Every structure is written in structure tokens, then in C-alpha cells.
N, C-alpha and C. Protein backbone atom coordinates (compact mmCIF):
# COMPACT_ATOMS: atom_id res chain seq x y z
N MET A 1 -17.12 1.91 -17.56
CA MET A 1 -16.03 1.93 -18.52
C MET A 1 -15.00 2.97 -18.09
N MET A 2 -13.73 2.58 -18.04
CA MET A 2 -12.66 3.50 -17.66
C MET A 2 -11.96 4.00 -18.91
N TRP A 3 -11.43 5.19 -18.83
CA TRP A 3 -10.66 5.74 -19.93
C TRP A 3 -9.51 6.53 -19.36
N THR A 4 -8.56 6.86 -20.19
CA THR A 4 -7.40 7.63 -19.76
C THR A 4 -7.75 9.10 -19.75
N VAL A 5 -7.53 9.74 -18.63
CA VAL A 5 -7.82 11.16 -18.50
C VAL A 5 -6.72 11.96 -19.17
N GLN A 6 -7.13 12.88 -20.02
CA GLN A 6 -6.18 13.77 -20.67
C GLN A 6 -6.02 15.01 -19.79
N ILE A 7 -4.81 15.30 -19.37
CA ILE A 7 -4.56 16.42 -18.47
C ILE A 7 -4.45 17.72 -19.25
N ARG A 8 -3.63 17.77 -20.24
CA ARG A 8 -3.47 18.99 -21.04
C ARG A 8 -2.99 18.59 -22.42
N SER A 9 -3.54 19.19 -23.40
CA SER A 9 -3.18 18.97 -24.80
C SER A 9 -2.61 17.57 -25.07
N ASN A 10 -3.43 16.57 -24.88
CA ASN A 10 -3.09 15.18 -25.17
C ASN A 10 -2.00 14.59 -24.28
N LEU A 11 -1.77 15.17 -23.12
CA LEU A 11 -0.80 14.64 -22.17
C LEU A 11 -1.56 13.82 -21.13
N THR A 12 -1.24 12.54 -21.02
CA THR A 12 -1.93 11.68 -20.07
C THR A 12 -1.34 11.83 -18.67
N ILE A 13 -2.04 11.30 -17.70
CA ILE A 13 -1.54 11.35 -16.32
C ILE A 13 -0.18 10.68 -16.25
N ARG A 14 -0.04 9.54 -16.86
CA ARG A 14 1.24 8.81 -16.82
C ARG A 14 2.36 9.66 -17.41
N GLN A 15 2.11 10.30 -18.55
CA GLN A 15 3.14 11.14 -19.17
C GLN A 15 3.49 12.32 -18.27
N LEU A 16 2.48 12.92 -17.66
CA LEU A 16 2.72 14.06 -16.78
C LEU A 16 3.52 13.63 -15.55
N VAL A 17 3.13 12.53 -14.93
CA VAL A 17 3.84 12.02 -13.76
C VAL A 17 5.28 11.66 -14.12
N ASP A 18 5.48 11.01 -15.25
CA ASP A 18 6.83 10.66 -15.70
C ASP A 18 7.68 11.90 -15.89
N SER A 19 7.11 12.92 -16.51
CA SER A 19 7.82 14.18 -16.73
C SER A 19 8.20 14.84 -15.41
N ILE A 20 7.28 14.84 -14.47
CA ILE A 20 7.52 15.45 -13.16
C ILE A 20 8.62 14.71 -12.42
N THR A 21 8.54 13.38 -12.37
CA THR A 21 9.53 12.62 -11.61
C THR A 21 10.90 12.67 -12.27
N THR A 22 10.94 12.77 -13.58
CA THR A 22 12.22 12.89 -14.28
C THR A 22 12.89 14.23 -13.99
N SER A 23 12.10 15.29 -13.98
CA SER A 23 12.66 16.63 -13.75
C SER A 23 12.92 16.91 -12.28
N GLY A 24 12.21 16.21 -11.40
CA GLY A 24 12.35 16.46 -9.97
C GLY A 24 11.61 17.69 -9.49
N LYS A 25 10.78 18.26 -10.37
CA LYS A 25 10.03 19.47 -10.04
C LYS A 25 8.59 19.34 -10.51
N MET A 26 7.70 19.95 -9.74
CA MET A 26 6.29 20.00 -10.14
C MET A 26 5.82 21.44 -10.02
N SER A 27 5.22 21.93 -11.10
CA SER A 27 4.67 23.29 -11.06
C SER A 27 3.37 23.27 -10.28
N ARG A 28 2.99 24.42 -9.79
CA ARG A 28 1.71 24.51 -9.07
C ARG A 28 0.55 24.19 -10.01
N GLN A 29 0.71 24.52 -11.28
CA GLN A 29 -0.33 24.22 -12.26
C GLN A 29 -0.46 22.70 -12.45
N ASP A 30 0.67 22.00 -12.52
CA ASP A 30 0.63 20.54 -12.62
C ASP A 30 0.03 19.92 -11.36
N HIS A 31 0.36 20.50 -10.21
CA HIS A 31 -0.21 20.03 -8.94
C HIS A 31 -1.73 20.16 -8.97
N LEU A 32 -2.21 21.29 -9.46
CA LEU A 32 -3.65 21.51 -9.57
C LEU A 32 -4.28 20.51 -10.54
N ARG A 33 -3.63 20.24 -11.65
CA ARG A 33 -4.15 19.27 -12.63
C ARG A 33 -4.27 17.88 -12.00
N LEU A 34 -3.21 17.45 -11.30
CA LEU A 34 -3.25 16.12 -10.69
C LEU A 34 -4.26 16.06 -9.56
N THR A 35 -4.35 17.12 -8.77
CA THR A 35 -5.34 17.17 -7.70
C THR A 35 -6.75 17.10 -8.27
N SER A 36 -7.00 17.84 -9.32
CA SER A 36 -8.32 17.81 -9.97
C SER A 36 -8.64 16.43 -10.51
N ALA A 37 -7.64 15.79 -11.11
CA ALA A 37 -7.85 14.45 -11.67
C ALA A 37 -8.18 13.45 -10.57
N ILE A 38 -7.47 13.52 -9.46
CA ILE A 38 -7.72 12.55 -8.39
C ILE A 38 -9.05 12.81 -7.70
N LEU A 39 -9.47 14.07 -7.64
CA LEU A 39 -10.75 14.39 -7.01
C LEU A 39 -11.94 14.12 -7.93
N SER A 40 -11.68 13.92 -9.22
CA SER A 40 -12.76 13.61 -10.16
C SER A 40 -13.30 12.20 -9.92
N ASP A 41 -12.60 11.43 -9.10
CA ASP A 41 -13.00 10.13 -8.59
C ASP A 41 -13.18 9.05 -9.66
N ASN A 42 -14.25 9.07 -10.40
CA ASN A 42 -14.54 7.95 -11.30
C ASN A 42 -13.87 8.07 -12.66
N GLU A 43 -13.15 9.13 -12.91
CA GLU A 43 -12.58 9.33 -14.24
C GLU A 43 -11.16 8.80 -14.39
N ILE A 44 -10.56 8.27 -13.31
CA ILE A 44 -9.20 7.76 -13.42
C ILE A 44 -9.15 6.31 -12.95
N THR A 45 -8.17 5.60 -13.46
CA THR A 45 -7.99 4.20 -13.08
C THR A 45 -7.25 4.12 -11.75
N GLU A 46 -7.23 2.94 -11.16
CA GLU A 46 -6.49 2.74 -9.91
C GLU A 46 -4.99 2.98 -10.14
N GLU A 47 -4.48 2.56 -11.27
CA GLU A 47 -3.06 2.78 -11.59
C GLU A 47 -2.75 4.27 -11.64
N GLU A 48 -3.61 5.04 -12.28
CA GLU A 48 -3.40 6.49 -12.35
C GLU A 48 -3.48 7.11 -10.96
N ARG A 49 -4.39 6.63 -10.14
CA ARG A 49 -4.52 7.13 -8.77
C ARG A 49 -3.24 6.85 -7.98
N ARG A 50 -2.68 5.65 -8.15
CA ARG A 50 -1.43 5.30 -7.47
C ARG A 50 -0.28 6.19 -7.93
N GLN A 51 -0.22 6.45 -9.24
CA GLN A 51 0.84 7.32 -9.77
C GLN A 51 0.75 8.72 -9.18
N ILE A 52 -0.45 9.26 -9.10
CA ILE A 52 -0.64 10.60 -8.54
C ILE A 52 -0.28 10.61 -7.06
N ASN A 53 -0.75 9.61 -6.32
CA ASN A 53 -0.44 9.55 -4.89
C ASN A 53 1.06 9.42 -4.65
N ARG A 54 1.73 8.63 -5.47
CA ARG A 54 3.19 8.49 -5.35
C ARG A 54 3.88 9.83 -5.57
N THR A 55 3.40 10.59 -6.56
CA THR A 55 3.97 11.91 -6.83
C THR A 55 3.77 12.83 -5.64
N PHE A 56 2.59 12.82 -5.04
CA PHE A 56 2.34 13.65 -3.86
C PHE A 56 3.20 13.20 -2.68
N ASP A 57 3.41 11.88 -2.55
CA ASP A 57 4.30 11.37 -1.50
C ASP A 57 5.73 11.88 -1.71
N TYR A 58 6.17 11.92 -2.95
CA TYR A 58 7.52 12.42 -3.26
C TYR A 58 7.67 13.88 -2.85
N ILE A 59 6.63 14.67 -3.01
CA ILE A 59 6.69 16.08 -2.57
C ILE A 59 6.85 16.13 -1.05
N GLN A 60 6.07 15.34 -0.35
CA GLN A 60 6.12 15.34 1.12
C GLN A 60 7.46 14.87 1.65
N THR A 61 8.10 13.94 0.97
CA THR A 61 9.38 13.41 1.44
C THR A 61 10.58 14.20 0.91
N GLY A 62 10.32 15.19 0.07
CA GLY A 62 11.40 16.02 -0.44
C GLY A 62 12.07 15.51 -1.71
N ARG A 63 11.56 14.44 -2.28
CA ARG A 63 12.13 13.91 -3.52
C ARG A 63 11.75 14.76 -4.73
N LEU A 64 10.67 15.52 -4.60
CA LEU A 64 10.23 16.45 -5.64
C LEU A 64 10.08 17.83 -5.03
N LYS A 65 10.37 18.84 -5.85
CA LYS A 65 10.17 20.23 -5.41
C LYS A 65 8.93 20.78 -6.08
N LEU A 66 8.17 21.55 -5.31
CA LEU A 66 7.02 22.26 -5.85
C LEU A 66 7.49 23.67 -6.20
N VAL A 67 7.39 24.03 -7.47
CA VAL A 67 7.89 25.32 -7.96
C VAL A 67 6.75 26.12 -8.56
N ASP A 68 6.98 27.43 -8.66
CA ASP A 68 5.97 28.32 -9.27
C ASP A 68 6.08 28.36 -10.76
């Protein structure tokens, strides 16, 4: 059974990714949250995994900034 992983105070992965891509910035804390979620393996859906990977790709290509 799959369920939506709550990242912080009722914020889902989708909401967090949407917030990050809208702002163009990702905090190191958000990076850690997404990394932890993706490494938890069985706790996220394939769609959530794709969203997280896309966000990490955006950092590598310069579309997102990693900020403190």
C-alpha cells in the first residue's frame, strides 16, 4: 500500500516541489528532506520520485539555486 509522504507539518512532496520550483530556490533543509524521502525507498510513489529527481536535475542544470 502506498501513501503520500508528509515532509513537514502537513506539506506533501508535491507541495514542497511546487513551492521550490515556483521560487527558483531550494534550502539545504528542503534538499535534505527530499533526499531523505527518496532514500526511504518504499515510502514514496513513482510520481513523487520523478518530482524529486526533476528538482535535483533543475539544481544541476542551474534552473534552481541551492541556498542556505
